[in-house]
Amino acid sequence: MEALAAIGLASNVLGFIDTTAKLHALIKEYSSMGGAPAEVLAISKQLDLTIRAVKELDESGRARLDHEKLALQIYSEEAEGLRVFLESLKLTPDQPRERGSNSSWLKRRQATARTAEKGWKAFKALRGKEKLDKFQTSLDRILDLIKMQQQTRIEATALRVDDKTTILVQNSESIIRGLGDLQLSPNQPSIDSSAMQRKIIFMVPLARNSGFLGRDELILQLDKRLGSSPGPGPREVQTTALCGLGGIGKSQIALEYAYLRKERSPDTSTFWILASTATRFEESYKQIATEFQLPGRNDPHVDVLQLVRDWFERHYKQRWLMVVDNVDDTQIFEKIQCGKSPLEYLPKVADGSILFTSRNRDVSIDLVSDPITVEPLSPEEARKLLGDRTKRTSTDEEKDMVLAELDHLPLAITQAASYMAKRNKTVSQYLVLYQDSEKSRVKLLEHKFVDTGREARSLESVATTWLMSFQQIKSENPRAANLLFMMSLMGRQSIPSSLIVAENENIVDFEEAVGTLVAYSFVSVDDSGINYSMHRLVQIVTRAWLDDHGDRLFIESQALGFLSSRFPDGEFETWETCAQYLPHVESVLSHTPESQVNTQRLHRSELLTNLAWYFKEQGKYDLARANLEQSLKILNTAGTGESGKALRAKRKFAIIVERQGHPEEAIKLFREVLKAEETLHGPDHLETLETVDELATTLANTLFPERWVESEGLARRSLKGRRSALTDGDLKLMESLHTLGWVLYREGNPNESEDPLRECLQKRRMVLGDQHPKTTSTANDLALALINLDPPNYEEAERLLRDSANLIISSCGTDHPNSIVIHSNLCNVLRRSGKHAEAETLQADQLALSERVLGQNHPTTIWCVVSVAESLFYQKKFYMTQSFILKELEKRPDFVRQDVVSALILINLLAHVCEEHREFTEAAKNFQSVLQGRKKALGDDHPATLQTEHCFARVRLAQGMCFEAAGILRGLMPREIRVLGLEHEETVLSVRLYGLAMFSQRKFLEAESHFRQALSTREKTFGREHETTLIARDNLEAALGEQKKWAEWEKVSRDSLAIRQLLAPSDYHTLRVKSNLWFVLEQQHKAESEAIFHELLANIKALPEDFMEGPNFKKNATCEEEWYFWRLRNGSFDLETLRARKRMAAWSRTPRFTIGGAVASLDSFFKASSQVSSNDLAGEIYDEVLRNMEHTFGKECEETKSVNEEYAKHLEQRGKVHEAKRIRERLQESRI
């Protein structure tokens, strides 16, 4: 061999290839285990092309040179040394998975991963990179020598005139380019920005077609539209398009024009963009980003496509041409992942030109308005194209006959010529074959050509040639034909060899078969040598041929069998493989209607089940449900609806239904599966326990306490059964630990849930790794338990959730439902730890994301809505909260009917907002609506129902409806004690609220009893110094004062004063309590009262001038208190004056409401005044009511005006007409 002689291999070429092949095979085997360094992967690619290059060269007798012998010797020594070193690492590749043995397979996989990790660590520790670099140097020498001999061979063969010249030169030039590319170091440092701005790049993945002929007119049109150069600097990008029938030669014309531009304008860069799919478009743009080494190109958060557009429009200084090839449908106008269409990423203002090719004229017109239509070749052009590719023994008449049959289509002509050349056929022989199959050809062409328009006309001519090729391939190599047929049912691009290699097939036989397809150009292979692609029309014609020849059912069954046995189960570890296989699975399913053969049915069902689970794990629940429904239908039709396989599929279906937000439907399905599995397998079988575990989780996710109890029992059953049957590190055992922890948390036992969740998290981190979605899910649930501990552990919870949020984005992306849930829980932690602004912003983002990914009525989305509303509420942005809730409810007109429980949460929050706005009537209306809804949906004794009933009573009391409030509370408190416990926060609040209702009815003894009960519980729960405890003391003081229990009041007041003086000596509340102490001492005529008064007076006068304007005073002081305080402060009152007025400023005579002070409205006034006969007492009640109403609501409030009007009527009934008239005049003035 000529080149091998040049490097001293004429005598032992087989040894050279054998050494290289062994090293290549070892590296590929090691690389398949994962974790291999990038340098090792790069070497694998170089060795593959080196072997191919050596095999391509012809034999020659030229003597080898000394420096070539030396290069070979060095290479052989380094190659052998590297191979020995790699074998010493003792990496053991993963064994094929045995069906039905998940556990053992997983153990082997885990062991393999650990072995690989240790091996590559050893590679680094033993300075493997240095050995790799030495071998790279010797390999580069070999590549240089081969490249030189290729160039010499081109020059030599150019002097010969024979039929193979064009093909030989093409192959040689292709190898030279490949070798040149391989010699680019993967670690080459980046070029500075200014150099990149002037860098000239020719990024065209196809070699120039040396057989391209004619099309001069079209080339001139392209030059006219794209070739002008008005001057340097940015301008509107020139654009045009080539459109026409598939196979008409659009891409070949664009390719020729690209090479012509390179020759004519060496300073013009050229870029070839594959636009058949959005993914290919993105890959081409990413390649441009790599070529220019654009900063941020590897950042997953950067929009690389926008980066490339910005580069062309703002930075790149050279003129350029961009060919956007195969824009065959409207995908270029449709939005992709980043929210933009591919078209929007094309440069608009730059020093460049864009040439589109498309078989769709409508798309072309939308792109450029006036595209160039490509017509079939003229007879002269077609004759030249065929004449240069066929034997000279053919006559012109024969050639014209063939060209006429092929309709002058370039692709058909090229295919026919290739067949004739490769099979050594003359034109006349080709015609005989062509005309011999006329019946089949006519049948196919008539159906496609007449009925389906332009695509069918393309199919007519190309199919004529391809049909005969199919017959030839099937006759010569049946396995090649079988591959072609099966691949025709798959996605047309990137078909991995792992999907089409038969079990136990000899690899040499496979390579021979697929090589035949590549030789016919029906199939192309990518640089890796393991992924194959087919042209769209080849697939269409192949499938039509299958229909004609009755092989369709067999090929469909074979394809389904291959895919069902090789498509993984969809778990996270298999996502990469699933994504690679997905387009082929979808294509096969769409091209293979359901069969009546049970075997094929079961293959289809298994494939659909695994596909559905992959979609579920990806968070695509609607797709998952649709596929699993098909699978279950098939199993039922096949008579296997109660088999173990069918029950597993039904269980998975229930899980998906629950993820969609339909827990009731899911629970029903789980119970059906569990009953059938207990009958089929027994109660302790692992399959049965799987369903037990899933049912426990779903029950825990509901709002019903009785279901939580059942859920805990199921969770413990699952854990117990799995502990006895599985090893400690089994993944299923971890699931049970997680389930039990989650169930305990949902039951309100965060302390008990912490241990199983921590144990599960530790095990999952060890076995699955931090980034696994199941690991982040456990971390998420542990964080929820931590924030509900007593006291909460916000710091660790926030750290867990922040880490999990970053990890889930890295592994699953921002759009995954788990990512939305984790981020939403992070918002909850931030809000509860006081970081409201960050929580609000983050939750708003998650709400928008959840609406887009899951839909606006999905439970996760509604949870996000509630979280945003709560974030606004706790920041006291009440108007924004109200507006937001009303807007979200308006967006969901059917929401209240479809999801009552979630809707009630929002309405309940809206009621709280109204309460804060003092809109008590509206608040009561909303709370009453929520109460009725929760009683119906959750039951009378559900904690959420009890809480709403308490809120409703509280608002009724704020409205002055103390009798109605008391009635509500009398029925509520026993149920709270039974369900929540005597010391629960809600129970204590209701006890205190009932005391306030009794106080409003002037039933002070009963009020005192409930205030004491509330105070005792508060002291026990929160301690004596807690604000809620001190408020309970204030209420008790008020009740004691009204009963004139001076001694008891004095004791409580002294305790309160001692506590408050320690907390804040100059606080408003401290001064108020000191005033109370003075008052009660005065009532007992104790001498100490005078000293207390003077101390109080000194304290008041020593306060800052703006004290009364401060929020503490303004928020808490009543009008009466403010009046007395001001006069004491400016000296208008002294002790004797107060004694003479007989009106003592006892600040705790009115109970302190948590909702803004003691508010007595119209209802309480008249119900109180109707119970007393003294007009003076009624007047005192009126004074107190009116002062509080004016302070709380303002003088212009309708409720305040109502009190004035009703009191006027009260005076008239008692004969005080003049006083009533004066009140009405004042009322009229306020209305004006």
Foldseek 3Di string as FASTA:
>chain_A
DVLCQQLPCLPPVVVVLVLLVLLLVLLVQLVVLDDADPLSVLVNLLSVLLSVLVVLDDDDDDHYDPVSPVLVVQLSVLSVVLSVVLVVLVQDGQDDDDPPCVPVSLVSSLVNNVSSVSSVVVCVVVVVVVSSVSNLVSSLVSLVSSLVVLVVVLVVLVPPDDLCNQVSNQVSVVSNVVSVVSPPDPPDDADDQVCLLQDAAAADPDDQRPLDDDPPVVLVVCCVQFVDAPDFDKAFAGEAEEEAFVLQCRVNSVRVSSVVCCVVPVSEHEAEQEVQAPVSNQVSLLVVCVVSVQPPSPPPVDPSLLSSLCCQQPRRGTEYEYEHEAPADCQQCDQDDVRGGVVVSHHGIHRYYYYYYYHDVVVRCVVPVDHHYRDADDLVRLLSSLVSLFDPVDDPVLSSVLCVLLVNRNSLSVLLSLVCVVVVHHSVRSVVLLVVPVVVLVVQLVVQVPPPPRNSVSLSNNLSSVVSVLVVLCVPQVLLNLQLLLCLLFAQWFDFQLLVDDPPDDPVSVCVSVVVCVSSVQWDADSVRGTIGGDNSSSVSSQVVCVVVVCNVVSLLVSLQSQLVPQDQQALVCLVVNVSRVRGLVSSPVVDPDDPDLSSLLSQLSNLLSNLSNCVNLQNLVSSLVSLVSSLVSCVVSVNCLPPVNLVSLLVNLVSCVSLPDLVVSLVSLVVSLVSCCVVPNCLDLSNLVSLLSNLQSLLPDQALVSLVVSLVSLVSSLVSCVVVDDPLDPSNLSSLLSNLLSCVSNVNLVVSLVSLVVSLVSCCVSVNCLRLVNLVSLLSNLSSQVSDVPHDLPSSLVSLVSSLVSPCVSNNCLRPSNLVSQLSNLVSCVVVPVLVVSLVSLVVSLVSCCVRSNCLGPSNLSSLLSNLVSCVSVVVLVVSLVSLVVSCVVPVCNCVPPVVSNLSSLLSNLVSCLLVVVLVSSLVSLVVSLVSCCVVHNCLRPVNLLSLLVNLLSCVLQQVLVVSLVSLVVRLVSCCVRPNCLDPSNLSSLQSNLQSCVLLVVLVSSLVSLVSSLVSCCVPPNCLDPSNLLSLLSNLLSCVSVLVLVVSLVSLVSSLVSVCVVPVLAPVNLLSLLQNLVSCVVVVHPVSLVSQVVSLVSLLPDDPCPCVDPRNLQFPFPVRVVVSVCSNVVVDDPVNCVVVVDGCNPSNRRQDPSGGNARFDNSLVSNVVVDDDPVVSVVSLVVNLRRCCSRPNCLDPRSLVSLLVVLVVCVVVVNNVVSVVSVVVSVVSVD
